[in-house]
Amino acid sequence: MSNKKTSGGFPLIVSFFAIVICIGIGIFIYKGILGSASNFEGGDPEKGHPHNILGTMYKGGFIVPILIGFFLTVLTFAVERFITIQKATGRGKTDKFISKIKALIASHDFDAAIAECDKQKGSLANVVHEGIAKYKFVQNDANMDKEAKVHAIQKALEEATALELPMLSKNMVVISTLASIGTLAGLIGTVLGMIRAFAALANAGAPDTSALATGISEALVNTLVGILTSAFAIIFYNFFSNRVDQITYAMDEAGFSIIQEFQSSGK
């Protein structure tokens, strides 16, 4: 009996290149779109005064493309997690699947239960499939006592669950890390912008208003993009963590039902 496993999620090397590509796209957006000559008076991105929000964001400095890359990375991995977890959930609703499996196990219609798992697909169905298959395998084995049979079923369920859980939580660390790094990177840009602004005020005589405005823009833009990146990362991380917990709970519930039914069957 071979364990099934739901495939999905970026492999490690693909995850690395996805982050690099997102940062590369961030640099392109910064240079090609935000730094377009049409966004500045006189067509000079470096010395011209920005006359729209895109030009103002460009004045945020070199941290901005990194933050844009982080934001795109969060969106990319959020889409990846959504597709993978949706695939792991299966085709039908989880609660209806569990209810149907419980009824089929109670009536000892194991073939129908396995067929239902094949129809449902996903991580939960794979775990239930392995538990029921082991149930069928050991129930008429005269060489095993009941305690050994229960242990065998529990082990099958645990092994199947162990195969599925890493895929469910895969790449979640990227989103959780960006939730912290996004704010920190934004704060770095904010501090650099405030240093530039205060340096402009410290000049003897009349302050350099252009340098002052650039410094303030750098501070505020980095704060904004950093907060947005972290906010989206936190929202996505909590959402996907909740979905993973729901699937894990359903696995435990189904496994408990299989074991309980076997213990009460008297075999």
Protein backbone atom coordinates (compact mmCIF):
# COMPACT_ATOMS: atom_id res chain seq x y z
CA MET A 1 0.00 0.00 0.00
CA SER A 2 1.63 3.23 -1.17
CA ASN A 3 0.80 6.56 0.34
CA LYS A 4 -0.63 9.22 -1.90
CA LYS A 5 0.66 12.74 -1.67
CA THR A 6 -0.81 16.00 -2.91
CA SER A 7 1.71 17.86 -5.03
CA GLY A 8 1.93 21.63 -5.21
CA GLY A 9 3.85 24.71 -4.17
CA PHE A 10 7.04 26.26 -5.48
CA PRO A 11 10.18 24.14 -5.04
CA LEU A 12 12.98 25.87 -3.13
CA ILE A 13 14.94 26.90 -6.24
CA VAL A 14 11.77 28.23 -7.91
CA SER A 15 10.91 30.20 -4.76
CA PHE A 16 14.37 31.80 -4.81
CA PHE A 17 14.10 32.80 -8.45
CA ALA A 18 10.53 34.05 -7.89
CA ILE A 19 11.83 36.47 -5.24
CA VAL A 20 14.69 37.61 -7.48
CA ILE A 21 12.33 38.13 -10.43
CA CYS A 22 9.89 40.12 -8.27
CA ILE A 23 12.70 42.41 -7.10
CA GLY A 24 13.84 42.74 -10.72
CA ILE A 25 10.32 43.76 -11.73
CA GLY A 26 10.32 46.24 -8.84
CA ILE A 27 13.50 47.83 -10.19
CA PHE A 28 11.97 47.98 -13.68
CA ILE A 29 8.82 49.66 -12.33
CA TYR A 30 10.95 52.12 -10.38
CA LYS A 31 13.17 53.05 -13.33
CA GLY A 32 10.78 52.69 -16.24
CA ILE A 33 7.45 53.85 -14.80
CA LEU A 34 8.04 55.89 -11.66
CA GLY A 35 11.21 57.44 -13.11
CA SER A 36 9.65 58.34 -16.45
CA ALA A 37 10.59 61.85 -17.63
CA SER A 38 6.89 62.69 -18.06
CA ASN A 39 6.46 62.56 -14.28
CA PHE A 40 8.81 65.48 -13.63
CA GLU A 41 9.04 69.14 -14.50
CA GLY A 42 11.63 69.66 -17.19
CA GLY A 43 11.75 65.91 -17.84
CA ASP A 44 14.59 65.42 -15.34
CA PRO A 45 13.88 62.67 -12.79
CA GLU A 46 16.89 63.58 -10.68
CA LYS A 47 16.54 67.37 -10.42
CA GLY A 48 13.03 68.05 -11.68
CA HIS A 49 10.11 68.52 -9.28
CA PRO A 50 7.55 65.66 -9.49
CA HIS A 51 4.09 66.75 -10.60
CA ASN A 52 2.21 63.48 -9.91
CA ILE A 53 2.18 60.60 -7.41
CA LEU A 54 4.44 58.44 -9.58
CA GLY A 55 7.18 61.05 -9.56
CA THR A 56 6.77 61.50 -5.82
CA MET A 57 7.23 57.76 -5.31
CA TYR A 58 10.38 57.85 -7.44
CA LYS A 59 11.80 60.45 -5.08
CA GLY A 60 11.51 57.84 -2.33
CA GLY A 61 14.99 56.63 -3.19
CA PHE A 62 16.68 53.29 -3.77
CA ILE A 63 14.66 51.48 -1.07
CA VAL A 64 11.44 51.93 -3.09
CA PRO A 65 12.21 49.32 -5.82
CA ILE A 66 13.18 46.82 -3.12
CA LEU A 67 9.91 47.44 -1.31
CA ILE A 68 7.96 47.13 -4.57
CA GLY A 69 9.75 43.82 -5.14
CA PHE A 70 8.78 42.68 -1.64
CA PHE A 71 5.16 43.66 -2.27
CA LEU A 72 5.10 41.73 -5.57
CA THR A 73 6.69 38.75 -3.80
CA VAL A 74 3.90 38.76 -1.21
CA LEU A 75 1.28 38.79 -3.99
CA THR A 76 3.08 36.04 -5.92
CA PHE A 77 3.34 33.69 -2.96
CA ALA A 78 -0.21 34.51 -1.88
CA VAL A 79 -1.47 33.32 -5.28
CA GLU A 80 0.76 30.23 -5.04
CA ARG A 81 -0.55 29.40 -1.53
CA PHE A 82 -4.16 29.98 -2.57
CA ILE A 83 -3.88 27.59 -5.53
CA THR A 84 -2.00 24.95 -3.52
CA ILE A 85 -4.28 25.03 -0.48
CA GLN A 86 -7.36 25.06 -2.70
CA LYS A 87 -5.99 21.95 -4.41
CA ALA A 88 -5.27 20.37 -1.03
CA THR A 89 -8.83 21.06 0.13
CA GLY A 90 -10.25 18.94 -2.66
CA ARG A 91 -13.15 19.27 -5.03
CA GLY A 92 -16.08 19.32 -2.63
CA LYS A 93 -16.81 21.00 0.68
CA THR A 94 -14.78 19.60 3.55
CA ASP A 95 -17.63 19.32 6.08
CA LYS A 96 -19.89 17.45 3.63
CA PHE A 97 -17.04 15.09 2.73
CA ILE A 98 -16.36 14.31 6.40
CA SER A 99 -20.05 13.67 7.09
CA LYS A 100 -20.33 11.32 4.12
CA ILE A 101 -17.17 9.44 5.10
CA LYS A 102 -18.44 9.00 8.68
CA ALA A 103 -21.72 7.54 7.40
CA LEU A 104 -19.95 5.15 5.01
CA ILE A 105 -17.53 3.96 7.70
CA ALA A 106 -20.39 3.43 10.15
CA SER A 107 -22.13 1.21 7.57
CA HIS A 108 -18.80 -0.55 6.82
CA ASP A 109 -19.06 0.40 3.14
CA PHE A 110 -15.31 0.83 2.75
CA ASP A 111 -15.20 0.52 -1.02
CA ALA A 112 -17.66 3.39 -1.35
CA ALA A 113 -15.65 5.42 1.17
CA ILE A 114 -12.44 4.90 -0.83
CA ALA A 115 -14.28 5.81 -4.02
CA GLU A 116 -15.49 8.99 -2.32
CA CYS A 117 -11.88 9.82 -1.38
CA ASP A 118 -10.78 9.32 -4.99
CA LYS A 119 -13.57 11.61 -6.09
CA GLN A 120 -12.81 14.30 -3.48
CA LYS A 121 -9.01 14.31 -3.99
CA GLY A 122 -6.73 16.62 -1.98
CA SER A 123 -4.78 16.23 1.25
CA LEU A 124 -7.74 15.36 3.46
CA ALA A 125 -8.97 12.70 1.05
CA ASN A 126 -5.49 11.19 0.81
CA VAL A 127 -5.23 10.84 4.59
CA VAL A 128 -8.71 9.33 4.89
CA HIS A 129 -7.97 6.99 1.97
CA GLU A 130 -4.87 5.61 3.71
CA GLY A 131 -6.72 5.18 7.00
CA ILE A 132 -9.61 3.28 5.40
CA ALA A 133 -7.28 1.17 3.27
CA LYS A 134 -5.33 0.14 6.37
CA TYR A 135 -8.63 -0.53 8.18
CA LYS A 136 -9.63 -2.97 5.42
CA PHE A 137 -6.18 -4.55 5.46
CA VAL A 138 -6.01 -5.32 9.19
CA GLN A 139 -9.63 -5.99 10.14
CA ASN A 140 -9.52 -9.67 9.16
CA ASP A 141 -5.86 -10.30 10.00
CA ALA A 142 -5.91 -13.14 12.51
CA ASN A 143 -2.23 -12.67 13.36
CA MET A 144 -2.80 -9.27 14.99
CA ASP A 145 -4.67 -8.49 18.17
CA LYS A 146 -7.03 -5.52 18.30
CA GLU A 147 -4.53 -3.20 19.96
CA ALA A 148 -1.95 -3.90 17.24
CA LYS A 149 -4.57 -3.27 14.56
CA VAL A 150 -5.50 0.09 16.11
CA HIS A 151 -1.82 1.01 16.28
CA ALA A 152 -1.38 0.06 12.60
CA ILE A 153 -4.31 2.26 11.57
CA GLN A 154 -3.02 5.16 13.68
CA LYS A 155 0.43 4.81 12.13
CA ALA A 156 -1.02 4.84 8.60
CA LEU A 157 -2.98 7.99 9.39
CA GLU A 158 0.05 9.67 10.96
CA GLU A 159 2.30 8.80 8.02
CA ALA A 160 -0.24 10.09 5.51
CA THR A 161 -0.69 13.30 7.51
CA ALA A 162 3.09 13.75 7.77
CA LEU A 163 3.31 13.61 3.98
CA GLU A 164 0.64 16.27 3.52
CA LEU A 165 1.44 18.87 6.20
CA PRO A 166 4.79 20.08 4.79
CA MET A 167 3.10 20.90 1.48
CA LEU A 168 0.33 22.81 3.26
CA SER A 169 2.77 25.02 5.18
CA LYS A 170 5.32 25.28 2.39
CA ASN A 171 6.47 28.85 1.57
CA MET A 172 4.44 30.30 4.43
CA VAL A 173 7.76 31.36 5.95
CA VAL A 174 8.34 33.66 2.97
CA ILE A 175 5.10 35.54 3.63
CA SER A 176 5.68 35.71 7.39
CA THR A 177 9.25 36.96 6.88
CA LEU A 178 8.14 39.69 4.49
CA ALA A 179 5.55 40.80 7.03
CA SER A 180 8.47 41.84 9.26
CA ILE A 181 11.05 42.80 6.65
CA GLY A 182 8.60 45.04 4.78
CA THR A 183 8.16 47.30 7.80
CA LEU A 184 11.87 47.29 8.63
CA ALA A 185 12.89 48.14 5.06
CA GLY A 186 10.31 50.91 5.02
CA LEU A 187 11.72 52.28 8.28
CA ILE A 188 15.23 52.28 6.81
CA GLY A 189 13.98 54.39 3.91
CA THR A 190 12.09 56.64 6.33
CA VAL A 191 15.18 57.23 8.45
CA LEU A 192 17.31 57.97 5.38
CA GLY A 193 14.68 60.42 4.15
CA MET A 194 14.51 62.20 7.50
CA ILE A 195 18.31 62.44 7.60
CA ARG A 196 18.22 64.08 4.19
CA ALA A 197 15.43 66.44 5.24
CA PHE A 198 17.21 67.56 8.42
CA ALA A 199 20.46 67.97 6.49
CA ALA A 200 18.65 70.40 4.19
CA LEU A 201 17.35 72.35 7.20
CA ALA A 202 20.83 72.47 8.72
CA ASN A 203 22.29 74.41 5.80
CA ALA A 204 23.43 77.91 6.66
CA GLY A 205 21.11 80.62 5.42
CA ALA A 206 17.95 79.67 3.54
CA PRO A 207 17.14 75.94 3.68
CA ASP A 208 17.42 73.93 0.49
CA THR A 209 13.71 73.49 -0.18
CA SER A 210 14.28 71.00 -3.00
CA ALA A 211 16.44 68.75 -0.80
CA LEU A 212 13.96 69.17 2.07
CA ALA A 213 11.05 68.09 -0.12
CA THR A 214 13.02 65.14 -1.49
CA GLY A 215 13.90 64.00 2.01
CA ILE A 216 10.31 64.21 3.21
CA SER A 217 9.07 62.38 0.09
CA GLU A 218 11.63 59.64 0.65
CA ALA A 219 10.53 59.24 4.26
CA LEU A 220 6.79 59.14 3.57
CA VAL A 221 6.87 56.98 0.43
CA ASN A 222 9.02 54.30 2.08
CA THR A 223 6.76 54.31 5.12
CA LEU A 224 3.69 53.87 2.92
CA VAL A 225 5.03 51.04 0.76
CA GLY A 226 6.59 49.27 3.74
CA ILE A 227 3.34 49.36 5.72
CA LEU A 228 1.31 48.16 2.71
CA THR A 229 3.70 45.25 2.16
CA SER A 230 3.56 44.18 5.80
CA ALA A 231 -0.21 44.64 6.04
CA PHE A 232 -0.90 42.44 3.02
CA ALA A 233 1.64 39.85 4.20
CA ILE A 234 0.01 39.65 7.65
CA ILE A 235 -3.49 39.36 6.18
CA PHE A 236 -2.46 36.62 3.75
CA TYR A 237 -0.43 34.75 6.37
CA ASN A 238 -3.31 34.69 8.87
CA PHE A 239 -5.80 33.68 6.17
CA PHE A 240 -3.70 30.77 4.91
CA SER A 241 -2.75 29.69 8.44
CA ASN A 242 -6.45 29.47 9.27
CA ARG A 243 -7.13 27.39 6.15
CA VAL A 244 -4.27 25.01 7.01
CA ASP A 245 -5.63 24.67 10.56
CA GLN A 246 -9.07 23.82 9.17
CA ILE A 247 -7.66 21.11 6.92
CA THR A 248 -5.51 19.71 9.75
CA TYR A 249 -8.51 19.64 12.08
CA ALA A 250 -10.55 17.81 9.43
CA MET A 251 -7.75 15.24 9.08
CA ASP A 252 -7.74 14.67 12.85
CA GLU A 253 -11.52 14.43 12.95
CA ALA A 254 -11.64 11.89 10.12
CA GLY A 255 -8.81 9.85 11.65
CA PHE A 256 -10.53 9.80 15.03
CA SER A 257 -13.75 8.60 13.40
CA ILE A 258 -11.95 5.74 11.64
CA ILE A 259 -10.21 4.58 14.81
CA GLN A 260 -13.32 4.96 16.95
CA GLU A 261 -15.37 2.91 14.50
CA PHE A 262 -12.74 0.17 14.46
CA GLN A 263 -12.58 0.03 18.25
CA SER A 264 -16.35 -0.23 18.53
CA SER A 265 -16.63 -2.86 15.78
CA GLY A 266 -15.40 -5.60 18.11
CA LYS A 267 -13.00 -7.05 15.53
